[in-house]
Structure formats: structure tokens, C-alpha cells
């Protein structure tokens, strides 16, 4: 089975996000679901809403890997796409 180029870095992105939020990895996996969708990463909330400061930290964690926040779907799915300038 072939893996996309995003699958290779997804675990690193998750670990970076947990570190930046000062959460352990299990806490991250309990709260957020990371999904690769074509050339985007979608992050769905499983439980509570994120605080504004946590959302900003999440955005920065993905920006570290060249993914910029694009939109929110249904108030619970955040979509990040790779920065065109970094492709």
C-alpha cells in the first residue's frame, strides 16, 4: 500500500502539536483527530472546544510544517493546506 507524502510527517506534526500545547500524546489523541485529505490536513475536535490560545498554538504547530489554516467546517473541523510558497 502506498503512503502519501503527508502520511510520512503526520506523526511528527501530531507530536509537535502536543508539545506546543503542553499536552501528552494521549491527551492530544483524545481531543483531536488528524486526517490527511488529498493535500490538506483536517483536524476534528472529539470533545470540547479549543480555547482561542490553543487554536492559535495549533495553527502555529502546523505552520512549522508548512501548513496554513484555511477554514473551519461545522465549528469542529479545522482544515490546513500546505503553503503554496513552500511546495
PDB file of N, CA and C in Angstrom:
ATOM      1  N   UNK A   1       0.840  -1.176   0.000  1.00  0.00           N
ATOM      2  CA  UNK A   1       0.000   0.000   0.000  1.00  0.00           C
ATOM      3  C   UNK A   1       0.889   1.245   0.000  1.00  0.00           C
ATOM      4  N   UNK A   2       0.624   2.164  -0.874  1.00  0.00           N
ATOM      5  CA  UNK A   2       1.401   3.389  -0.953  1.00  0.00           C
ATOM      6  C   UNK A   2       0.910   4.401   0.064  1.00  0.00           C
ATOM      7  N   UNK A   3       1.864   5.110   0.634  1.00  0.00           N
ATOM      8  CA  UNK A   3       1.523   6.162   1.580  1.00  0.00           C
ATOM      9  C   UNK A   3       1.741   7.502   0.902  1.00  0.00           C
ATOM     10  N   UNK A   4       0.888   8.462   1.232  1.00  0.00           N
ATOM     11  CA  UNK A   4       1.091   9.796   0.676  1.00  0.00           C
ATOM     12  C   UNK A   4       2.236  10.470   1.415  1.00  0.00           C
ATOM     13  N   UNK A   5       2.755  11.537   0.813  1.00  0.00           N
ATOM     14  CA  UNK A   5       3.864  12.249   1.451  1.00  0.00           C
ATOM     15  C   UNK A   5       3.440  12.870   2.773  1.00  0.00           C
ATOM     16  N   UNK A   6       2.139  13.145   2.941  1.00  0.00           N
ATOM     17  CA  UNK A   6       1.665  13.724   4.191  1.00  0.00           C
ATOM     18  C   UNK A   6       1.619  12.686   5.303  1.00  0.00           C
ATOM     19  N   UNK A   7       1.332  11.433   4.969  1.00  0.00           N
ATOM     20  CA  UNK A   7       1.296  10.382   5.984  1.00  0.00           C
ATOM     21  C   UNK A   7       2.646  10.238   6.671  1.00  0.00           C
ATOM     22  N   UNK A   8       3.722  10.461   5.926  1.00  0.00           N
ATOM     23  CA  UNK A   8       5.062  10.310   6.478  1.00  0.00           C
ATOM     24  C   UNK A   8       5.369  11.321   7.573  1.00  0.00           C
ATOM     25  N   UNK A   9       4.757  12.479   7.518  1.00  0.00           N
ATOM     26  CA  UNK A   9       5.053  13.514   8.511  1.00  0.00           C
ATOM     27  C   UNK A   9       3.923  13.726   9.513  1.00  0.00           C
ATOM     28  N   UNK A  10       2.831  12.994   9.377  1.00  0.00           N
ATOM     29  CA  UNK A  10       1.684  13.221  10.254  1.00  0.00           C
ATOM     30  C   UNK A  10       2.027  12.978  11.722  1.00  0.00           C
ATOM     31  N   UNK A  11       2.738  11.917  12.031  1.00  0.00           N
ATOM     32  CA  UNK A  11       3.103  11.641  13.426  1.00  0.00           C
ATOM     33  C   UNK A  11       3.980  12.756  13.988  1.00  0.00           C
ATOM     34  N   UNK A  12       4.900  13.254  13.188  1.00  0.00           N
ATOM     35  CA  UNK A  12       5.751  14.360  13.639  1.00  0.00           C
ATOM     36  C   UNK A  12       4.924  15.614  13.902  1.00  0.00           C
ATOM     37  N   UNK A  13       3.946  15.871  13.055  1.00  0.00           N
ATOM     38  CA  UNK A  13       3.062  17.026  13.246  1.00  0.00           C
ATOM     39  C   UNK A  13       2.255  16.855  14.526  1.00  0.00           C
ATOM     40  N   UNK A  14       1.737  15.647  14.756  1.00  0.00           N
ATOM     41  CA  UNK A  14       0.974  15.390  15.977  1.00  0.00           C
ATOM     42  C   UNK A  14       1.840  15.593  17.215  1.00  0.00           C
ATOM     43  N   UNK A  15       3.052  15.062  17.197  1.00  0.00           N
ATOM     44  CA  UNK A  15       3.950  15.222  18.346  1.00  0.00           C
ATOM     45  C   UNK A  15       4.313  16.682  18.574  1.00  0.00           C
ATOM     46  N   UNK A  16       4.565  17.414  17.499  1.00  0.00           N
ATOM     47  CA  UNK A  16       4.882  18.837  17.610  1.00  0.00           C
ATOM     48  C   UNK A  16       3.695  19.601  18.194  1.00  0.00           C
ATOM     49  N   UNK A  17       2.497  19.255  17.753  1.00  0.00           N
ATOM     50  CA  UNK A  17       1.292  19.912  18.254  1.00  0.00           C
ATOM     51  C   UNK A  17       1.117  19.642  19.747  1.00  0.00           C
ATOM     52  N   UNK A  18       1.274  18.392  20.150  1.00  0.00           N
ATOM     53  CA  UNK A  18       1.148  18.048  21.572  1.00  0.00           C
ATOM     54  C   UNK A  18       2.182  18.807  22.401  1.00  0.00           C
ATOM     55  N   UNK A  19       3.408  18.866  21.917  1.00  0.00           N
ATOM     56  CA  UNK A  19       4.475  19.566  22.638  1.00  0.00           C
ATOM     57  C   UNK A  19       4.147  21.041  22.790  1.00  0.00           C
ATOM     58  N   UNK A  20       3.702  21.667  21.709  1.00  0.00           N
ATOM     59  CA  UNK A  20       3.403  23.101  21.755  1.00  0.00           C
ATOM     60  C   UNK A  20       2.204  23.411  22.656  1.00  0.00           C
ATOM     61  N   UNK A  21       1.246  22.494  22.724  1.00  0.00           N
ATOM     62  CA  UNK A  21       0.079  22.687  23.582  1.00  0.00           C
ATOM     63  C   UNK A  21       0.349  22.282  25.035  1.00  0.00           C
ATOM     64  N   UNK A  22       1.547  21.729  25.295  1.00  0.00           N
ATOM     65  CA  UNK A  22       1.895  21.192  26.616  1.00  0.00           C
ATOM     66  C   UNK A  22       0.945  20.066  27.027  1.00  0.00           C
ATOM     67  N   UNK A  23       0.559  19.248  26.045  1.00  0.00           N
ATOM     68  CA  UNK A  23      -0.281  18.078  26.273  1.00  0.00           C
ATOM     69  C   UNK A  23       0.571  16.840  26.055  1.00  0.00           C
ATOM     70  N   UNK A  24       0.213  15.731  26.734  1.00  0.00           N
ATOM     71  CA  UNK A  24       0.880  14.487  26.373  1.00  0.00           C
ATOM     72  C   UNK A  24       0.187  13.937  25.122  1.00  0.00           C
ATOM     73  N   UNK A  25       0.839  12.981  24.487  1.00  0.00           N
ATOM     74  CA  UNK A  25       0.346  12.481  23.198  1.00  0.00           C
ATOM     75  C   UNK A  25      -1.050  11.867  23.328  1.00  0.00           C
ATOM     76  N   UNK A  26      -1.298  11.146  24.436  1.00  0.00           N
ATOM     77  CA  UNK A  26      -2.614  10.527  24.627  1.00  0.00           C
ATOM     78  C   UNK A  26      -3.706  11.577  24.779  1.00  0.00           C
ATOM     79  N   UNK A  27      -3.405  12.665  25.465  1.00  0.00           N
ATOM     80  CA  UNK A  27      -4.367  13.759  25.605  1.00  0.00           C
ATOM     81  C   UNK A  27      -4.700  14.340  24.233  1.00  0.00           C
ATOM     82  N   UNK A  28      -3.673  14.503  23.400  1.00  0.00           N
ATOM     83  CA  UNK A  28      -3.887  15.013  22.045  1.00  0.00           C
ATOM     84  C   UNK A  28      -4.809  14.086  21.261  1.00  0.00           C
ATOM     85  N   UNK A  29      -4.531  12.781  21.309  1.00  0.00           N
ATOM     86  CA  UNK A  29      -5.324  11.808  20.555  1.00  0.00           C
ATOM     87  C   UNK A  29      -6.751  11.706  21.094  1.00  0.00           C
ATOM     88  N   UNK A  30      -6.946  12.008  22.387  1.00  0.00           N
ATOM     89  CA  UNK A  30      -8.291  12.005  22.967  1.00  0.00           C
ATOM     90  C   UNK A  30      -9.106  13.212  22.522  1.00  0.00           C
ATOM     91  N   UNK A  31      -8.425  14.305  22.199  1.00  0.00           N
ATOM     92  CA  UNK A  31      -9.124  15.558  21.879  1.00  0.00           C
ATOM     93  C   UNK A  31      -9.218  15.851  20.385  1.00  0.00           C
ATOM     94  N   UNK A  32      -8.213  15.437  19.621  1.00  0.00           N
ATOM     95  CA  UNK A  32      -8.137  15.810  18.211  1.00  0.00           C
ATOM     96  C   UNK A  32      -7.926  14.586  17.332  1.00  0.00           C
ATOM     97  N   UNK A  33      -8.564  14.577  16.169  1.00  0.00           N
ATOM     98  CA  UNK A  33      -8.353  13.528  15.165  1.00  0.00           C
ATOM     99  C   UNK A  33      -7.709  14.185  13.950  1.00  0.00           C
ATOM    100  N   UNK A  34      -6.520  13.727  13.595  1.00  0.00           N
ATOM    101  CA  UNK A  34      -5.793  14.246  12.434  1.00  0.00           C
ATOM    102  C   UNK A  34      -6.061  13.325  11.250  1.00  0.00           C
ATOM    103  N   UNK A  35      -6.462  13.901  10.117  1.00  0.00           N
ATOM    104  CA  UNK A  35      -6.746  13.131   8.913  1.00  0.00           C
ATOM    105  C   UNK A  35      -6.092  13.809   7.718  1.00  0.00           C
ATOM    106  N   UNK A  36      -5.448  13.008   6.881  1.00  0.00           N
ATOM    107  CA  UNK A  36      -4.886  13.527   5.642  1.00  0.00           C
ATOM    108  C   UNK A  36      -5.955  13.394   4.567  1.00  0.00           C
ATOM    109  N   UNK A  37      -6.248  14.493   3.895  1.00  0.00           N
ATOM    110  CA  UNK A  37      -7.269  14.512   2.848  1.00  0.00           C
ATOM    111  C   UNK A  37      -6.673  15.204   1.630  1.00  0.00           C
ATOM    112  N   UNK A  38      -6.232  14.407   0.686  1.00  0.00           N
ATOM    113  CA  UNK A  38      -5.540  14.901  -0.505  1.00  0.00           C
ATOM    114  C   UNK A  38      -4.333  15.722  -0.075  1.00  0.00           C
ATOM    115  N   UNK A  39      -4.315  17.007  -0.343  1.00  0.00           N
ATOM    116  CA  UNK A  39      -3.165  17.831   0.032  1.00  0.00           C
ATOM    117  C   UNK A  39      -3.482  18.732   1.214  1.00  0.00           C
ATOM    118  N   UNK A  40      -4.356  18.252   2.072  1.00  0.00           N
ATOM    119  CA  UNK A  40      -4.731  19.023   3.258  1.00  0.00           C
ATOM    120  C   UNK A  40      -4.706  18.111   4.482  1.00  0.00           C
ATOM    121  N   UNK A  41      -4.585  18.731   5.635  1.00  0.00           N
ATOM    122  CA  UNK A  41      -4.726  18.027   6.902  1.00  0.00           C
ATOM    123  C   UNK A  41      -5.972  18.584   7.571  1.00  0.00           C
ATOM    124  N   UNK A  42      -6.874  17.683   7.942  1.00  0.00           N
ATOM    125  CA  UNK A  42      -8.082  18.078   8.650  1.00  0.00           C
ATOM    126  C   UNK A  42      -7.942  17.633  10.096  1.00  0.00           C
ATOM    127  N   UNK A  43      -8.282  18.525  11.006  1.00  0.00           N
ATOM    128  CA  UNK A  43      -8.207  18.223  12.430  1.00  0.00           C
ATOM    129  C   UNK A  43      -9.602  18.399  13.017  1.00  0.00           C
ATOM    130  N   UNK A  44     -10.155  17.301  13.507  1.00  0.00           N
ATOM    131  CA  UNK A  44     -11.509  17.320  14.070  1.00  0.00           C
ATOM    132  C   UNK A  44     -11.434  17.282  15.592  1.00  0.00           C
ATOM    133  N   UNK A  45     -12.287  18.063  16.219  1.00  0.00           N
ATOM    134  CA  UNK A  45     -12.396  18.056  17.675  1.00  0.00           C
ATOM    135  C   UNK A  45     -13.240  16.865  18.099  1.00  0.00           C
ATOM    136  N   UNK A  46     -12.761  16.106  19.078  1.00  0.00           N
ATOM    137  CA  UNK A  46     -13.534  14.976  19.592  1.00  0.00           C
ATOM    138  C   UNK A  46     -14.353  15.355  20.815  1.00  0.00           C
ATOM    139  N   UNK A  47     -13.865  16.303  21.573  1.00  0.00           N
ATOM    140  CA  UNK A  47     -14.526  16.629  22.840  1.00  0.00           C
ATOM    141  C   UNK A  47     -14.884  18.098  22.881  1.00  0.00           C
ATOM    142  N   UNK A  48     -14.232  18.811  23.741  1.00  0.00           N
ATOM    143  CA  UNK A  48     -14.542  20.219  23.986  1.00  0.00           C
ATOM    144  C   UNK A  48     -13.981  21.125  22.905  1.00  0.00           C
ATOM    145  N   UNK A  49     -14.484  22.325  22.892  1.00  0.00           N
ATOM    146  CA  UNK A  49     -13.941  23.352  22.008  1.00  0.00           C
ATOM    147  C   UNK A  49     -12.540  23.722  22.483  1.00  0.00           C
ATOM    148  N   UNK A  50     -11.715  24.147  21.562  1.00  0.00           N
ATOM    149  CA  UNK A  50     -10.401  24.662  21.925  1.00  0.00           C
ATOM    150  C   UNK A  50     -10.537  26.105  22.381  1.00  0.00           C
ATOM    151  N   UNK A  51      -9.726  26.467  23.356  1.00  0.00           N
ATOM    152  CA  UNK A  51      -9.637  27.876  23.731  1.00  0.00           C
ATOM    153  C   UNK A  51      -8.966  28.612  22.584  1.00  0.00           C
ATOM    154  N   UNK A  52      -9.181  29.906  22.501  1.00  0.00           N
ATOM    155  CA  UNK A  52      -8.578  30.702  21.422  1.00  0.00           C
ATOM    156  C   UNK A  52      -7.059  30.572  21.434  1.00  0.00           C
ATOM    157  N   UNK A  53      -6.449  30.577  22.617  1.00  0.00           N
ATOM    158  CA  UNK A  53      -4.986  30.452  22.699  1.00  0.00           C
ATOM    159  C   UNK A  53      -4.526  29.082  22.197  1.00  0.00           C
ATOM    160  N   UNK A  54      -5.304  28.028  22.473  1.00  0.00           N
ATOM    161  CA  UNK A  54      -4.963  26.690  21.988  1.00  0.00           C
ATOM    162  C   UNK A  54      -5.109  26.605  20.477  1.00  0.00           C
ATOM    163  N   UNK A  55      -6.124  27.258  19.936  1.00  0.00           N
ATOM    164  CA  UNK A  55      -6.305  27.283  18.485  1.00  0.00           C
ATOM    165  C   UNK A  55      -5.134  27.990  17.812  1.00  0.00           C
ATOM    166  N   UNK A  56      -4.677  29.085  18.380  1.00  0.00           N
ATOM    167  CA  UNK A  56      -3.528  29.799  17.816  1.00  0.00           C
ATOM    168  C   UNK A  56      -2.270  28.933  17.884  1.00  0.00           C
ATOM    169  N   UNK A  57      -2.110  28.197  18.978  1.00  0.00           N
ATOM    170  CA  UNK A  57      -0.968  27.292  19.120  1.00  0.00           C
ATOM    171  C   UNK A  57      -1.050  26.167  18.096  1.00  0.00           C
ATOM    172  N   UNK A  58      -2.248  25.633  17.881  1.00  0.00           N
ATOM    173  CA  UNK A  58      -2.460  24.592  16.869  1.00  0.00           C
ATOM    174  C   UNK A  58      -2.071  25.105  15.486  1.00  0.00           C
ATOM    175  N   UNK A  59      -2.512  26.305  15.167  1.00  0.00           N
ATOM    176  CA  UNK A  59      -2.174  26.904  13.867  1.00  0.00           C
ATOM    177  C   UNK A  59      -0.667  27.051  13.712  1.00  0.00           C
ATOM    178  N   UNK A  60       0.027  27.475  14.773  1.00  0.00           N
ATOM    179  CA  UNK A  60       1.478  27.652  14.708  1.00  0.00           C
ATOM    180  C   UNK A  60       2.185  26.310  14.553  1.00  0.00           C
ATOM    181  N   UNK A  61       1.694  25.288  15.243  1.00  0.00           N
ATOM    182  CA  UNK A  61       2.306  23.959  15.160  1.00  0.00           C
ATOM    183  C   UNK A  61       2.251  23.418  13.736  1.00  0.00           C
ATOM    184  N   UNK A  62       1.149  23.643  13.037  1.00  0.00           N
ATOM    185  CA  UNK A  62       1.058  23.188  11.652  1.00  0.00           C
ATOM    186  C   UNK A  62       1.844  24.077  10.711  1.00  0.00           C
ATOM    187  N   UNK A  63       1.918  25.352  11.026  1.00  0.00           N
ATOM    188  CA  UNK A  63       2.714  26.266  10.205  1.00  0.00           C
ATOM    189  C   UNK A  63       4.192  25.876  10.248  1.00  0.00           C
ATOM    190  N   UNK A  64       4.634  25.296  11.367  1.00  0.00           N
ATOM    191  CA  UNK A  64       6.016  24.807  11.480  1.00  0.00           C
ATOM    192  C   UNK A  64       6.334  23.800  10.377  1.00  0.00           C
ATOM    193  N   UNK A  65       5.320  23.104   9.892  1.00  0.00           N
ATOM    194  CA  UNK A  65       5.492  22.105   8.833  1.00  0.00           C
ATOM    195  C   UNK A  65       4.982  22.592   7.482  1.00  0.00           C
ATOM    196  N   UNK A  66       4.724  23.889   7.374  1.00  0.00           N
ATOM    197  CA  UNK A  66       4.339  24.470   6.097  1.00  0.00           C
ATOM    198  C   UNK A  66       2.860  24.387   5.776  1.00  0.00           C
ATOM    199  N   UNK A  67       2.027  24.132   6.777  1.00  0.00           N
ATOM    200  CA  UNK A  67       0.583  24.063   6.562  1.00  0.00           C
ATOM    201  C   UNK A  67      -0.083  25.288   7.162  1.00  0.00           C
ATOM    202  N   UNK A  68      -0.869  25.974   6.347  1.00  0.00           N
ATOM    203  CA  UNK A  68      -1.568  27.167   6.803  1.00  0.00           C
ATOM    204  C   UNK A  68      -3.038  26.857   7.027  1.00  0.00           C
ATOM    205  N   UNK A  69      -3.604  27.500   8.041  1.00  0.00           N
ATOM    206  CA  UNK A  69      -5.032  27.374   8.321  1.00  0.00           C
ATOM    207  C   UNK A  69      -5.811  27.948   7.147  1.00  0.00           C
ATOM    208  N   UNK A  70      -6.818  27.212   6.669  1.00  0.00           N
ATOM    209  CA  UNK A  70      -7.630  27.675   5.542  1.00  0.00           C
ATOM    210  C   UNK A  70      -9.076  27.942   5.936  1.00  0.00           C
ATOM    211  N   UNK A  71      -9.693  27.011   6.687  1.00  0.00           N
ATOM    212  CA  UNK A  71     -11.109  27.204   7.022  1.00  0.00           C
ATOM    213  C   UNK A  71     -11.520  26.267   8.147  1.00  0.00           C
ATOM    214  N   UNK A  72     -12.706  26.553   8.695  1.00  0.00           N
ATOM    215  CA  UNK A  72     -13.324  25.702   9.707  1.00  0.00           C
ATOM    216  C   UNK A  72     -14.639  25.182   9.137  1.00  0.00           C
ATOM    217  N   UNK A  73     -14.863  23.886   9.294  1.00  0.00           N
ATOM    218  CA  UNK A  73     -16.100  23.259   8.831  1.00  0.00           C
ATOM    219  C   UNK A  73     -16.940  22.858  10.040  1.00  0.00           C
ATOM    220  N   UNK A  74     -18.188  23.249  10.056  1.00  0.00           N
ATOM    221  CA  UNK A  74     -19.133  22.850  11.111  1.00  0.00           C
ATOM    222  C   UNK A  74     -18.636  23.142  12.526  1.00  0.00           C
ATOM    223  N   UNK A  75     -17.854  24.165  12.700  1.00  0.00           N
ATOM    224  CA  UNK A  75     -17.326  24.577  14.008  1.00  0.00           C
ATOM    225  C   UNK A  75     -16.481  23.521  14.706  1.00  0.00           C
ATOM    226  N   UNK A  76     -16.117  22.436  14.017  1.00  0.00           N
ATOM    227  CA  UNK A  76     -15.356  21.399  14.716  1.00  0.00           C
ATOM    228  C   UNK A  76     -14.271  20.740  13.868  1.00  0.00           C
ATOM    229  N   UNK A  77     -14.126  21.137  12.617  1.00  0.00           N
ATOM    230  CA  UNK A  77     -13.067  20.581  11.768  1.00  0.00           C
ATOM    231  C   UNK A  77     -12.257  21.741  11.208  1.00  0.00           C
ATOM    232  N   UNK A  78     -10.969  21.720  11.503  1.00  0.00           N
ATOM    233  CA  UNK A  78     -10.066  22.756  11.015  1.00  0.00           C
ATOM    234  C   UNK A  78      -9.279  22.198   9.840  1.00  0.00           C
ATOM    235  N   UNK A  79      -9.233  22.932   8.744  1.00  0.00           N
ATOM    236  CA  UNK A  79      -8.562  22.479   7.527  1.00  0.00           C
ATOM    237  C   UNK A  79      -7.294  23.298   7.332  1.00  0.00           C
ATOM    238  N   UNK A  80      -6.183  22.596   7.136  1.00  0.00           N
ATOM    239  CA  UNK A  80      -4.890  23.217   6.895  1.00  0.00           C
ATOM    240  C   UNK A  80      -4.361  22.718   5.556  1.00  0.00           C
ATOM    241  N   UNK A  81      -3.860  23.618   4.743  1.00  0.00           N
ATOM    242  CA  UNK A  81      -3.283  23.243   3.452  1.00  0.00           C
ATOM    243  C   UNK A  81      -1.832  23.675   3.415  1.00  0.00           C
ATOM    244  N   UNK A  82      -1.064  22.954   2.623  1.00  0.00           N
ATOM    245  CA  UNK A  82       0.351  23.267   2.518  1.00  0.00           C
ATOM    246  C   UNK A  82       0.527  24.625   1.874  1.00  0.00           C
ATOM    247  N   UNK A  83       1.432  25.405   2.429  1.00  0.00           N
ATOM    248  CA  UNK A  83       1.732  26.743   1.920  1.00  0.00           C
ATOM    249  C   UNK A  83       2.267  26.617   0.502  1.00  0.00           C
ATOM    250  N   UNK A  84       1.600  27.259  -0.438  1.00  0.00           N
ATOM    251  CA  UNK A  84       1.970  27.176  -1.852  1.00  0.00           C
ATOM    252  C   UNK A  84       3.416  27.608  -2.061  1.00  0.00           C
ATOM    253  N   UNK A  85       3.863  28.605  -1.327  1.00  0.00           N
ATOM    254  CA  UNK A  85       5.231  29.105  -1.489  1.00  0.00           C
ATOM    255  C   UNK A  85       6.267  28.085  -1.061  1.00  0.00           C
ATOM    256  N   UNK A  86       5.899  27.147  -0.185  1.00  0.00           N
ATOM    257  CA  UNK A  86       6.847  26.159   0.316  1.00  0.00           C
ATOM    258  C   UNK A  86       6.827  24.864  -0.476  1.00  0.00           C
ATOM    259  N   UNK A  87       5.883  24.706  -1.395  1.00  0.00           N
ATOM    260  CA  UNK A  87       5.789  23.463  -2.171  1.00  0.00           C
ATOM    261  C   UNK A  87       6.955  23.311  -3.093  1.00  0.00           C
TER     262      UNK A  87
END
